[in-house]
Amino acid sequence: MTVYALGDVHGQLEKLFALLEEAGLVDPERHWSGRSSRLWFLGDLFDRGPSGIAVCETVMRLECEALEAGGFVGCLMGNHEPMILSALKFGRKKTAQGMSFRADWLHNGGRLSDLNALKDEHVQWLERRPLLALEGDTLLMHADSLFYLDYGDTVNTVSEAVTKVLESDNSRAWDELLGQFARRMEFWDETVGARNLERILGVFGAKRLLHGHTPIPYLTEIPPEDVNAPLYYREGRCTNLDGGMMYKGGHGFVYALPEVSTL
């Protein structure tokens, strides 16, 4: 069994299908063909690109098809999932920064066509996306940040705490969550990055970390169209899957996790 992961999709449906078909995970009719394989999306299905709702519905469908075939499709929560939900829920209500939730979402690439098409079934599914996952001794997360530790010290408690926020009408807690999700590069930083990585791996009982959120071209100055592989850093213990492909002109990649042991 192979475990795959895919970074930030940002509404690019056609690129997504091309990548999945190339990896053998969907057939030419765009149905699951990965058999017992496991596939994780690392979040940020929405915004910047044109087809966020279609991407969301595709992941929801593949989740069901993979389960029927003996495989698995999962999707972590990125920052753009609560962002679009906040625009729907709070609209013109002001954040602590004085900008409305809706304006903040639009500023970050929100598409009104996605917001207008959000249905209860999308909202309920999005609210319950896990924040973290463990595949063997590899920790999967969206943001390259320590903020997850502010919500719990196990994979389940972090997700449960954030789900409670998203099911609430507490705009201050939503605003705080969105602010936390804006943090990035906390494992890349030369001064504290190694220490931060050791801390989060230790808390969640992992040996390696896989994330998206911060586009590889931002860190390396490699043009997005030339990024076709992950960025390994911290002696290979940290892997960045956000090639910036979905809204910066690149084509992206599906990453196959190396075989890992179970702790």
Protein backbone atom coordinates (compact mmCIF):
# COMPACT_ATOMS: atom_id res chain seq x y z
CA MET A 1 0.00 0.00 0.00
CA THR A 2 1.30 3.43 -0.98
CA VAL A 3 0.46 6.67 0.81
CA TYR A 4 0.26 9.80 -1.34
CA ALA A 5 -0.11 13.45 -0.44
CA LEU A 6 -0.96 16.56 -2.42
CA GLY A 7 -0.40 20.17 -1.43
CA ASP A 8 -2.53 23.27 -1.88
CA VAL A 9 -5.00 22.88 -4.77
CA HIS A 10 -6.62 26.35 -4.67
CA GLY A 11 -9.49 25.70 -7.04
CA GLN A 12 -7.50 24.28 -9.96
CA LEU A 13 -9.71 21.36 -10.92
CA GLU A 14 -8.18 20.45 -14.29
CA LYS A 15 -4.63 20.48 -12.93
CA LEU A 16 -5.80 18.33 -10.03
CA PHE A 17 -7.27 15.65 -12.29
CA ALA A 18 -4.17 15.65 -14.50
CA LEU A 19 -1.96 15.02 -11.47
CA LEU A 20 -4.19 12.29 -10.04
CA GLU A 21 -4.50 10.50 -13.37
CA GLU A 22 -0.74 10.65 -13.89
CA ALA A 23 -0.27 9.08 -10.46
CA GLY A 24 -2.76 6.30 -11.28
CA LEU A 25 -5.20 7.42 -8.61
CA VAL A 26 -8.08 8.27 -10.94
CA ASP A 27 -9.03 6.83 -14.34
CA PRO A 28 -9.74 8.84 -17.52
CA GLU A 29 -13.39 9.14 -16.38
CA ARG A 30 -12.08 10.78 -13.19
CA HIS A 31 -13.14 8.01 -10.81
CA TRP A 32 -10.96 6.46 -8.12
CA SER A 33 -8.56 3.86 -9.52
CA GLY A 34 -6.05 3.79 -6.69
CA ARG A 35 -7.39 0.56 -5.17
CA SER A 36 -5.99 0.26 -1.64
CA SER A 37 -3.80 3.37 -1.88
CA ARG A 38 -4.14 6.18 0.63
CA LEU A 39 -4.30 9.81 -0.50
CA TRP A 40 -4.17 12.92 1.67
CA PHE A 41 -4.97 16.45 0.59
CA LEU A 42 -3.16 18.93 2.83
CA GLY A 43 -5.87 21.60 2.70
CA ASP A 44 -6.57 24.85 0.84
CA LEU A 45 -9.02 23.47 -1.69
CA PHE A 46 -10.51 26.94 -2.18
CA ASP A 47 -9.65 30.45 -3.38
CA ARG A 48 -7.26 31.97 -5.92
CA GLY A 49 -8.27 29.42 -8.57
CA PRO A 50 -11.62 29.26 -10.39
CA SER A 51 -13.21 26.00 -9.19
CA GLY A 52 -13.07 25.69 -5.42
CA ILE A 53 -16.53 24.16 -5.04
CA ALA A 54 -15.85 21.65 -7.82
CA VAL A 55 -12.55 20.68 -6.16
CA CYS A 56 -14.32 20.27 -2.82
CA GLU A 57 -17.03 18.09 -4.36
CA THR A 58 -14.39 16.03 -6.16
CA VAL A 59 -12.56 15.29 -2.92
CA MET A 60 -15.85 14.42 -1.21
CA ARG A 61 -16.71 12.03 -4.04
CA LEU A 62 -13.27 10.41 -4.17
CA GLU A 63 -13.44 9.93 -0.42
CA CYS A 64 -16.51 7.71 -0.91
CA GLU A 65 -15.20 5.92 -3.99
CA ALA A 66 -11.88 5.09 -2.36
CA LEU A 67 -13.60 3.69 0.71
CA GLU A 68 -15.72 1.39 -1.45
CA ALA A 69 -12.57 0.16 -3.22
CA GLY A 70 -10.65 -0.53 -0.03
CA GLY A 71 -8.55 2.62 -0.24
CA PHE A 72 -8.66 5.95 1.54
CA VAL A 73 -8.91 9.64 0.69
CA GLY A 74 -8.60 12.23 3.44
CA CYS A 75 -8.40 16.00 3.49
CA LEU A 76 -6.86 18.17 6.18
CA MET A 77 -8.11 21.63 6.99
CA GLY A 78 -6.11 24.47 5.50
CA ASN A 79 -6.49 28.14 6.30
CA HIS A 80 -8.69 28.84 3.27
CA GLU A 81 -11.40 26.44 4.46
CA PRO A 82 -12.25 28.39 7.66
CA MET A 83 -11.66 31.61 5.69
CA ILE A 84 -14.48 30.96 3.22
CA LEU A 85 -16.68 29.62 6.02
CA SER A 86 -16.09 32.83 8.00
CA ALA A 87 -17.11 34.91 4.98
CA LEU A 88 -20.34 32.93 4.80
CA LYS A 89 -21.05 33.01 8.53
CA PHE A 90 -20.02 36.53 9.53
CA GLY A 91 -20.05 38.46 6.25
CA ARG A 92 -19.45 42.15 6.96
CA LYS A 93 -18.80 41.71 10.67
CA LYS A 94 -15.44 43.25 11.55
CA THR A 95 -12.34 41.32 12.55
CA ALA A 96 -9.92 42.61 15.17
CA GLN A 97 -7.96 44.23 12.34
CA GLY A 98 -10.97 46.29 11.28
CA MET A 99 -11.58 44.46 8.00
CA SER A 100 -14.75 42.44 7.55
CA PHE A 101 -14.49 38.65 7.40
CA ARG A 102 -15.83 38.79 3.85
CA ALA A 103 -13.36 41.47 2.76
CA ASP A 104 -10.47 39.56 4.32
CA TRP A 105 -11.45 36.43 2.43
CA LEU A 106 -11.79 38.34 -0.85
CA HIS A 107 -8.40 39.95 -0.26
CA ASN A 108 -6.92 36.47 0.03
CA GLY A 109 -8.24 35.26 -3.30
CA GLY A 110 -11.83 34.43 -2.47
CA ARG A 111 -14.19 33.76 -5.37
CA LEU A 112 -17.82 34.90 -5.04
CA SER A 113 -18.89 32.01 -7.28
CA ASP A 114 -17.64 29.60 -4.61
CA LEU A 115 -19.25 31.50 -1.74
CA ASN A 116 -22.60 31.65 -3.54
CA ALA A 117 -22.48 27.91 -4.27
CA LEU A 118 -21.68 26.75 -0.73
CA LYS A 119 -24.36 24.37 0.49
CA ASP A 120 -25.04 22.92 3.93
CA GLU A 121 -23.45 19.62 2.88
CA HIS A 122 -20.20 21.43 1.97
CA VAL A 123 -20.20 23.41 5.20
CA GLN A 124 -20.77 20.37 7.40
CA TRP A 125 -18.02 18.41 5.65
CA LEU A 126 -15.56 21.32 5.83
CA GLU A 127 -16.22 21.98 9.51
CA ARG A 128 -15.15 18.44 10.34
CA ARG A 129 -11.88 18.27 8.44
CA PRO A 130 -9.06 17.04 10.66
CA LEU A 131 -6.25 19.44 11.42
CA LEU A 132 -3.54 16.77 11.66
CA ALA A 133 -2.95 13.18 10.65
CA LEU A 134 -0.35 10.53 11.33
CA GLU A 135 0.79 8.05 8.69
CA GLY A 136 3.16 5.74 10.51
CA ASP A 137 5.74 8.05 12.03
CA THR A 138 5.02 10.95 9.63
CA LEU A 139 2.92 13.90 10.84
CA LEU A 140 0.79 15.57 8.17
CA MET A 141 -0.40 19.16 8.60
CA HIS A 142 -1.29 22.14 6.45
CA ALA A 143 0.59 25.05 7.99
CA ASP A 144 4.31 25.05 8.79
CA SER A 145 3.58 26.41 12.23
CA LEU A 146 3.42 25.52 15.91
CA PHE A 147 -0.03 27.04 16.38
CA TYR A 148 -1.66 23.59 16.48
CA LEU A 149 -0.22 23.16 19.97
CA ASP A 150 -2.48 25.97 21.17
CA TYR A 151 -5.48 23.71 20.51
CA GLY A 152 -4.31 20.43 22.00
CA ASP A 153 -1.54 17.87 22.37
CA THR A 154 -2.97 14.95 20.39
CA VAL A 155 -4.10 14.68 16.79
CA ASN A 156 -7.72 14.19 17.90
CA THR A 157 -7.90 16.92 20.54
CA VAL A 158 -6.56 19.55 18.14
CA SER A 159 -9.20 18.70 15.55
CA GLU A 160 -11.97 18.54 18.14
CA ALA A 161 -11.06 21.94 19.54
CA VAL A 162 -11.08 23.61 16.12
CA THR A 163 -14.35 21.91 15.15
CA LYS A 164 -15.94 23.44 18.24
CA VAL A 165 -14.78 26.87 17.14
CA LEU A 166 -16.22 26.39 13.65
CA GLU A 167 -19.54 25.15 15.02
CA SER A 168 -19.81 28.22 17.27
CA ASP A 169 -20.98 31.79 16.68
CA ASN A 170 -17.96 33.18 18.54
CA SER A 171 -16.48 35.55 15.95
CA ARG A 172 -13.56 36.38 18.24
CA ALA A 173 -12.54 32.69 18.39
CA TRP A 174 -12.89 32.45 14.60
CA ASP A 175 -10.77 35.56 14.15
CA GLU A 176 -8.11 34.14 16.46
CA LEU A 177 -8.07 30.85 14.53
CA LEU A 178 -7.62 32.65 11.22
CA GLY A 179 -4.81 34.71 12.71
CA GLN A 180 -3.11 31.57 13.97
CA PHE A 181 -3.44 29.94 10.56
CA ALA A 182 -1.62 32.89 8.97
CA ARG A 183 1.61 31.88 10.70
CA ARG A 184 4.23 30.17 8.56
CA MET A 185 7.93 29.24 8.14
CA GLU A 186 8.32 28.33 11.81
CA PHE A 187 10.38 25.25 10.92
CA TRP A 188 12.32 27.00 8.18
CA ASP A 189 13.66 29.82 10.37
CA GLU A 190 17.40 29.39 10.89
CA THR A 191 17.30 30.53 14.51
CA VAL A 192 14.44 28.52 15.99
CA GLY A 193 13.29 26.23 13.17
CA ALA A 194 15.10 23.09 14.31
CA ARG A 195 13.92 23.54 17.89
CA ASN A 196 10.34 24.15 16.76
CA LEU A 197 10.40 21.01 14.64
CA GLU A 198 11.68 18.89 17.50
CA ARG A 199 8.97 20.28 19.75
CA ILE A 200 6.01 19.53 17.50
CA LEU A 201 7.30 16.10 16.49
CA GLY A 202 7.83 15.25 20.13
CA VAL A 203 4.33 16.28 21.19
CA PHE A 204 2.60 14.28 18.47
CA GLY A 205 4.98 11.31 18.54
CA ALA A 206 6.35 11.54 15.01
CA LYS A 207 9.77 11.45 13.34
CA ARG A 208 9.01 13.44 10.19
CA LEU A 209 6.68 16.26 9.18
CA LEU A 210 4.84 16.94 5.92
CA HIS A 211 3.19 20.31 5.22
CA GLY A 212 1.95 22.76 2.59
CA HIS A 213 0.92 26.42 3.10
CA THR A 214 4.18 28.20 2.22
CA PRO A 215 4.92 27.96 -1.53
CA ILE A 216 8.30 26.45 -2.32
CA PRO A 217 9.08 29.25 -4.81
CA TYR A 218 8.80 31.80 -1.98
CA LEU A 219 11.55 30.00 -0.11
CA THR A 220 13.85 29.02 -2.96
CA GLU A 221 13.18 31.58 -5.73
CA ILE A 222 12.72 28.68 -8.14
CA PRO A 223 10.01 29.59 -10.70
CA PRO A 224 6.76 27.70 -9.97
CA GLU A 225 6.80 26.06 -13.41
CA ASP A 226 10.12 24.45 -12.48
CA VAL A 227 8.93 23.04 -9.15
CA ASN A 228 8.01 19.39 -9.63
CA ALA A 229 9.25 17.83 -6.39
CA PRO A 230 9.05 18.49 -2.64
CA LEU A 231 11.40 20.72 -0.72
CA TYR A 232 13.23 18.73 1.95
CA TYR A 233 14.83 20.62 4.82
CA ARG A 234 15.91 20.14 8.42
CA GLU A 235 18.05 17.17 7.35
CA GLY A 236 15.12 15.63 5.50
CA ARG A 237 12.83 15.56 8.50
CA CYS A 238 10.60 18.32 7.16
CA THR A 239 8.98 18.17 3.70
CA ASN A 240 7.15 21.03 1.99
CA LEU A 241 4.57 20.02 -0.65
CA ASP A 242 3.29 23.46 -1.68
CA GLY A 243 4.86 23.98 -5.09
CA GLY A 244 2.81 27.12 -5.64
CA MET A 245 1.52 25.31 -8.69
CA MET A 246 -2.14 26.00 -8.38
CA TYR A 247 -2.12 29.77 -8.67
CA LYS A 248 1.46 30.70 -9.60
CA GLY A 249 1.67 28.96 -12.95
CA GLY A 250 3.28 25.67 -11.97
CA HIS A 251 1.97 22.20 -12.73
CA GLY A 252 2.40 20.64 -9.29
CA PHE A 253 3.09 17.09 -8.19
CA VAL A 254 1.69 14.20 -6.20
CA TYR A 255 4.07 12.99 -3.53
CA ALA A 256 4.44 9.33 -2.55
CA LEU A 257 5.53 9.02 1.06
CA PRO A 258 8.52 6.77 1.67
CA GLU A 259 7.64 3.59 3.46
CA VAL A 260 7.50 4.39 7.13
CA SER A 261 7.40 2.25 10.22
CA THR A 262 4.51 2.24 12.64
CA LEU A 263 5.41 3.63 16.05
